[in-house]
Amino acid sequence: MAGNKRDKIKMTPDEVASYLAENYKVQVATVGKDGAPHLVTMFYTLYEGKIAFTTYKASQKVLNLRRNPTMTCLVEDGVEYNELRGVALYGRGLIVEDPEPRTKVGRVVGSRMAGLPVPALGEPIDPVVAEGIEQALAKRVLVLMDPDRVVSWDHGKA
């Protein structure tokens, strides 16, 4: 019976993709040195269909991912029970040092964090803003969520 209800509220792959595209905050869990989850909320965008965010090279989540790439991401919303929607992705966090994708993601996320108009991925932005973001990105890496398993729910379907 439980499986039946779960199947009813599950999002289709297209619904998952558009849900992740329309949101921008993700809860990210990595595995700490002591085995306990390390949980943080990050601003993200999608890069090649994957959740992507930048973070400091020396951050706890990067240290954790270098030791153990296991990562879980949760994007969810809703207040009332029948409004609850979410996507949980289980897999690996890939650390990307390449400055080109880091800059593309950093411009989108940095603009959003600064309350500026958010460009499409790879679109040009104000040169002054771009310079400020580039300076901030110098100490950062890109993290991509590489999921093995995706679980979704939309209680509005029930």
C-alpha atoms as a PDB file:
ATOM      1  CA  MET A   1       0.000   0.000   0.000  1.00  0.00           C
ATOM      2  CA  ALA A   2       2.796   2.436   0.906  1.00  0.00           C
ATOM      3  CA  GLY A   3       4.463   1.862  -2.461  1.00  0.00           C
ATOM      4  CA  ASN A   4       1.181   2.656  -4.209  1.00  0.00           C
ATOM      5  CA  LYS A   5       0.863   6.102  -2.575  1.00  0.00           C
ATOM      6  CA  ARG A   6       4.547   6.801  -3.210  1.00  0.00           C
ATOM      7  CA  ASP A   7       4.095   6.015  -6.920  1.00  0.00           C
ATOM      8  CA  LYS A   8       1.165   8.477  -7.091  1.00  0.00           C
ATOM      9  CA  ILE A   9       3.170  11.413  -5.715  1.00  0.00           C
ATOM     10  CA  LYS A  10       6.433  10.671  -7.559  1.00  0.00           C
ATOM     11  CA  MET A  11       7.469  13.312 -10.126  1.00  0.00           C
ATOM     12  CA  THR A  12       8.233  12.321 -13.716  1.00  0.00           C
ATOM     13  CA  PRO A  13      11.833  12.884 -14.926  1.00  0.00           C
ATOM     14  CA  ASP A  14      10.637  16.029 -16.787  1.00  0.00           C
ATOM     15  CA  GLU A  15       8.924  17.326 -13.626  1.00  0.00           C
ATOM     16  CA  VAL A  16      12.116  16.695 -11.626  1.00  0.00           C
ATOM     17  CA  ALA A  17      14.196  18.577 -14.217  1.00  0.00           C
ATOM     18  CA  SER A  18      11.870  21.603 -14.278  1.00  0.00           C
ATOM     19  CA  TYR A  19      11.507  21.601 -10.478  1.00  0.00           C
ATOM     20  CA  LEU A  20      15.304  21.687 -10.060  1.00  0.00           C
ATOM     21  CA  ALA A  21      15.565  24.395 -12.750  1.00  0.00           C
ATOM     22  CA  GLU A  22      13.012  26.678 -11.036  1.00  0.00           C
ATOM     23  CA  ASN A  23      14.620  26.464  -7.573  1.00  0.00           C
ATOM     24  CA  TYR A  24      17.960  27.798  -6.360  1.00  0.00           C
ATOM     25  CA  LYS A  25      18.508  26.667  -2.745  1.00  0.00           C
ATOM     26  CA  VAL A  26      19.730  23.176  -1.906  1.00  0.00           C
ATOM     27  CA  GLN A  27      20.543  21.400   1.332  1.00  0.00           C
ATOM     28  CA  VAL A  28      23.859  19.597   0.842  1.00  0.00           C
ATOM     29  CA  ALA A  29      25.012  16.739   3.062  1.00  0.00           C
ATOM     30  CA  THR A  30      28.539  15.338   3.038  1.00  0.00           C
ATOM     31  CA  VAL A  31      30.134  12.807   5.376  1.00  0.00           C
ATOM     32  CA  GLY A  32      32.263  14.296   8.160  1.00  0.00           C
ATOM     33  CA  LYS A  33      35.505  12.796   9.466  1.00  0.00           C
ATOM     34  CA  ASP A  34      33.592  11.223  12.378  1.00  0.00           C
ATOM     35  CA  GLY A  35      30.964   9.740  10.031  1.00  0.00           C
ATOM     36  CA  ALA A  36      28.259  12.257  10.995  1.00  0.00           C
ATOM     37  CA  PRO A  37      26.464  14.172   8.233  1.00  0.00           C
ATOM     38  CA  HIS A  38      27.708  17.718   7.587  1.00  0.00           C
ATOM     39  CA  LEU A  39      24.677  19.689   6.388  1.00  0.00           C
ATOM     40  CA  VAL A  40      24.633  23.146   4.770  1.00  0.00           C
ATOM     41  CA  THR A  41      22.284  25.168   2.585  1.00  0.00           C
ATOM     42  CA  MET A  42      23.730  26.512  -0.669  1.00  0.00           C
ATOM     43  CA  PHE A  43      22.552  28.590  -3.613  1.00  0.00           C
ATOM     44  CA  TYR A  44      22.838  26.551  -6.825  1.00  0.00           C
ATOM     45  CA  THR A  45      22.149  26.544 -10.532  1.00  0.00           C
ATOM     46  CA  LEU A  46      22.047  23.681 -13.013  1.00  0.00           C
ATOM     47  CA  TYR A  47      25.152  22.971 -15.086  1.00  0.00           C
ATOM     48  CA  GLU A  48      24.667  20.346 -17.799  1.00  0.00           C
ATOM     49  CA  GLY A  49      21.542  19.249 -15.923  1.00  0.00           C
ATOM     50  CA  LYS A  50      23.363  18.753 -12.612  1.00  0.00           C
ATOM     51  CA  ILE A  51      23.049  20.738  -9.380  1.00  0.00           C
ATOM     52  CA  ALA A  52      26.133  22.981  -9.292  1.00  0.00           C
ATOM     53  CA  PHE A  53      27.489  25.425  -6.720  1.00  0.00           C
ATOM     54  CA  THR A  54      30.763  27.067  -5.822  1.00  0.00           C
ATOM     55  CA  THR A  55      32.332  26.946  -2.396  1.00  0.00           C
ATOM     56  CA  TYR A  56      35.646  27.778  -0.751  1.00  0.00           C
ATOM     57  CA  LYS A  57      38.440  25.308  -1.540  1.00  0.00           C
ATOM     58  CA  ALA A  58      39.137  24.980   2.197  1.00  0.00           C
ATOM     59  CA  SER A  59      35.466  24.572   3.236  1.00  0.00           C
ATOM     60  CA  GLN A  60      34.422  21.622   5.382  1.00  0.00           C
ATOM     61  CA  LYS A  61      32.276  20.168   2.596  1.00  0.00           C
ATOM     62  CA  VAL A  62      35.237  20.144   0.173  1.00  0.00           C
ATOM     63  CA  LEU A  63      37.496  18.527   2.796  1.00  0.00           C
ATOM     64  CA  ASN A  64      34.758  15.918   3.348  1.00  0.00           C
ATOM     65  CA  LEU A  65      34.291  15.274  -0.400  1.00  0.00           C
ATOM     66  CA  ARG A  66      38.042  14.854  -0.929  1.00  0.00           C
ATOM     67  CA  ARG A  67      38.020  12.193   1.799  1.00  0.00           C
ATOM     68  CA  ASN A  68      34.715  10.591   0.753  1.00  0.00           C
ATOM     69  CA  PRO A  69      32.770  11.783  -2.334  1.00  0.00           C
ATOM     70  CA  THR A  70      29.387  10.634  -0.956  1.00  0.00           C
ATOM     71  CA  MET A  71      26.924  13.541  -1.132  1.00  0.00           C
ATOM     72  CA  THR A  72      23.168  13.959  -0.806  1.00  0.00           C
ATOM     73  CA  CYS A  73      21.236  16.996  -2.027  1.00  0.00           C
ATOM     74  CA  LEU A  74      17.694  17.980  -1.042  1.00  0.00           C
ATOM     75  CA  VAL A  75      15.608  20.630  -2.796  1.00  0.00           C
ATOM     76  CA  GLU A  76      12.164  21.004  -1.223  1.00  0.00           C
ATOM     77  CA  ASP A  77       9.329  23.453  -0.692  1.00  0.00           C
ATOM     78  CA  GLY A  78       5.757  23.758   0.532  1.00  0.00           C
ATOM     79  CA  VAL A  79       4.160  24.651   3.861  1.00  0.00           C
ATOM     80  CA  GLU A  80       0.888  22.707   4.033  1.00  0.00           C
ATOM     81  CA  TYR A  81       1.085  18.907   3.726  1.00  0.00           C
ATOM     82  CA  ASN A  82      -0.663  18.863   0.323  1.00  0.00           C
ATOM     83  CA  GLU A  83       1.878  21.434  -0.992  1.00  0.00           C
ATOM     84  CA  LEU A  84       5.007  19.500  -0.031  1.00  0.00           C
ATOM     85  CA  ARG A  85       7.288  18.867  -3.000  1.00  0.00           C
ATOM     86  CA  GLY A  86      10.880  17.828  -3.172  1.00  0.00           C
ATOM     87  CA  VAL A  87      13.728  16.032  -4.862  1.00  0.00           C
ATOM     88  CA  ALA A  88      16.465  14.137  -3.011  1.00  0.00           C
ATOM     89  CA  LEU A  89      19.561  13.185  -4.991  1.00  0.00           C
ATOM     90  CA  TYR A  90      21.983  10.557  -3.698  1.00  0.00           C
ATOM     91  CA  GLY A  91      25.414  10.102  -5.244  1.00  0.00           C
ATOM     92  CA  ARG A  92      28.793  11.785  -5.459  1.00  0.00           C
ATOM     93  CA  GLY A  93      29.981  15.358  -5.203  1.00  0.00           C
ATOM     94  CA  LEU A  94      32.477  16.046  -7.976  1.00  0.00           C
ATOM     95  CA  ILE A  95      35.035  18.774  -7.286  1.00  0.00           C
ATOM     96  CA  VAL A  96      35.818  20.704 -10.482  1.00  0.00           C
ATOM     97  CA  GLU A  97      38.877  22.981 -10.525  1.00  0.00           C
ATOM     98  CA  ASP A  98      38.423  24.116 -14.174  1.00  0.00           C
ATOM     99  CA  PRO A  99      37.900  27.906 -14.123  1.00  0.00           C
ATOM    100  CA  GLU A 100      35.542  28.008 -17.144  1.00  0.00           C
ATOM    101  CA  PRO A 101      32.560  26.072 -15.708  1.00  0.00           C
ATOM    102  CA  ARG A 102      33.315  27.545 -12.252  1.00  0.00           C
ATOM    103  CA  THR A 103      32.954  31.054 -13.748  1.00  0.00           C
ATOM    104  CA  LYS A 104      29.698  30.175 -15.582  1.00  0.00           C
ATOM    105  CA  VAL A 105      28.141  28.791 -12.389  1.00  0.00           C
ATOM    106  CA  GLY A 106      29.685  31.506 -10.189  1.00  0.00           C
ATOM    107  CA  ARG A 107      28.205  34.316 -12.299  1.00  0.00           C
ATOM    108  CA  VAL A 108      24.678  32.900 -11.996  1.00  0.00           C
ATOM    109  CA  VAL A 109      24.905  32.068  -8.280  1.00  0.00           C
ATOM    110  CA  GLY A 110      26.890  35.223  -7.418  1.00  0.00           C
ATOM    111  CA  SER A 111      24.368  37.455  -9.197  1.00  0.00           C
ATOM    112  CA  ARG A 112      21.493  35.766  -7.356  1.00  0.00           C
ATOM    113  CA  MET A 113      23.257  36.091  -3.971  1.00  0.00           C
ATOM    114  CA  ALA A 114      23.943  39.784  -4.653  1.00  0.00           C
ATOM    115  CA  GLY A 115      20.280  40.409  -5.539  1.00  0.00           C
ATOM    116  CA  LEU A 116      21.216  41.312  -9.132  1.00  0.00           C
ATOM    117  CA  PRO A 117      19.440  40.185 -12.310  1.00  0.00           C
ATOM    118  CA  VAL A 118      20.350  36.527 -12.837  1.00  0.00           C
ATOM    119  CA  PRO A 119      21.939  35.825 -16.230  1.00  0.00           C
ATOM    120  CA  ALA A 120      21.387  32.606 -18.165  1.00  0.00           C
ATOM    121  CA  LEU A 121      24.326  30.203 -17.816  1.00  0.00           C
ATOM    122  CA  GLY A 122      27.190  31.520 -19.977  1.00  0.00           C
ATOM    123  CA  GLU A 123      25.482  34.870 -20.743  1.00  0.00           C
ATOM    124  CA  PRO A 124      27.610  38.032 -20.418  1.00  0.00           C
ATOM    125  CA  ILE A 125      27.143  40.184 -17.320  1.00  0.00           C
ATOM    126  CA  ASP A 126      28.146  43.684 -16.264  1.00  0.00           C
ATOM    127  CA  PRO A 127      31.979  43.830 -16.413  1.00  0.00           C
ATOM    128  CA  VAL A 128      32.255  45.395 -12.942  1.00  0.00           C
ATOM    129  CA  VAL A 129      30.070  42.647 -11.450  1.00  0.00           C
ATOM    130  CA  ALA A 130      31.987  40.008 -13.443  1.00  0.00           C
ATOM    131  CA  GLU A 131      35.305  41.281 -12.051  1.00  0.00           C
ATOM    132  CA  GLY A 132      34.014  41.163  -8.466  1.00  0.00           C
ATOM    133  CA  ILE A 133      32.660  37.651  -8.924  1.00  0.00           C
ATOM    134  CA  GLU A 134      35.898  36.508 -10.587  1.00  0.00           C
ATOM    135  CA  GLN A 135      37.919  37.774  -7.604  1.00  0.00           C
ATOM    136  CA  ALA A 136      35.598  35.901  -5.211  1.00  0.00           C
ATOM    137  CA  LEU A 137      35.835  32.734  -7.324  1.00  0.00           C
ATOM    138  CA  ALA A 138      39.641  32.649  -7.181  1.00  0.00           C
ATOM    139  CA  LYS A 139      39.434  30.947  -3.769  1.00  0.00           C
ATOM    140  CA  ARG A 140      36.577  28.649  -4.746  1.00  0.00           C
ATOM    141  CA  VAL A 141      35.926  25.356  -6.523  1.00  0.00           C
ATOM    142  CA  LEU A 142      32.873  24.129  -8.387  1.00  0.00           C
ATOM    143  CA  VAL A 143      30.961  21.186  -6.929  1.00  0.00           C
ATOM    144  CA  LEU A 144      28.655  19.135  -9.161  1.00  0.00           C
ATOM    145  CA  MET A 145      26.095  16.640  -7.873  1.00  0.00           C
ATOM    146  CA  ASP A 146      26.494  13.348  -9.756  1.00  0.00           C
ATOM    147  CA  PRO A 147      23.415  11.354  -8.674  1.00  0.00           C
ATOM    148  CA  ASP A 148      23.077   7.562  -8.676  1.00  0.00           C
ATOM    149  CA  ARG A 149      19.524   7.717  -7.317  1.00  0.00           C
ATOM    150  CA  VAL A 150      16.804  10.381  -7.372  1.00  0.00           C
ATOM    151  CA  VAL A 151      13.714  10.322  -5.147  1.00  0.00           C
ATOM    152  CA  SER A 152      10.898  12.844  -5.662  1.00  0.00           C
ATOM    153  CA  TRP A 153       7.508  13.712  -4.240  1.00  0.00           C
ATOM    154  CA  ASP A 154       4.697  16.134  -4.984  1.00  0.00           C
ATOM    155  CA  HIS A 155       1.840  15.812  -2.502  1.00  0.00           C
ATOM    156  CA  GLY A 156      -0.325  17.992  -4.755  1.00  0.00           C
ATOM    157  CA  LYS A 157      -0.669  14.895  -6.992  1.00  0.00           C
ATOM    158  CA  ALA A 158      -2.238  12.769  -4.230  1.00  0.00           C
END
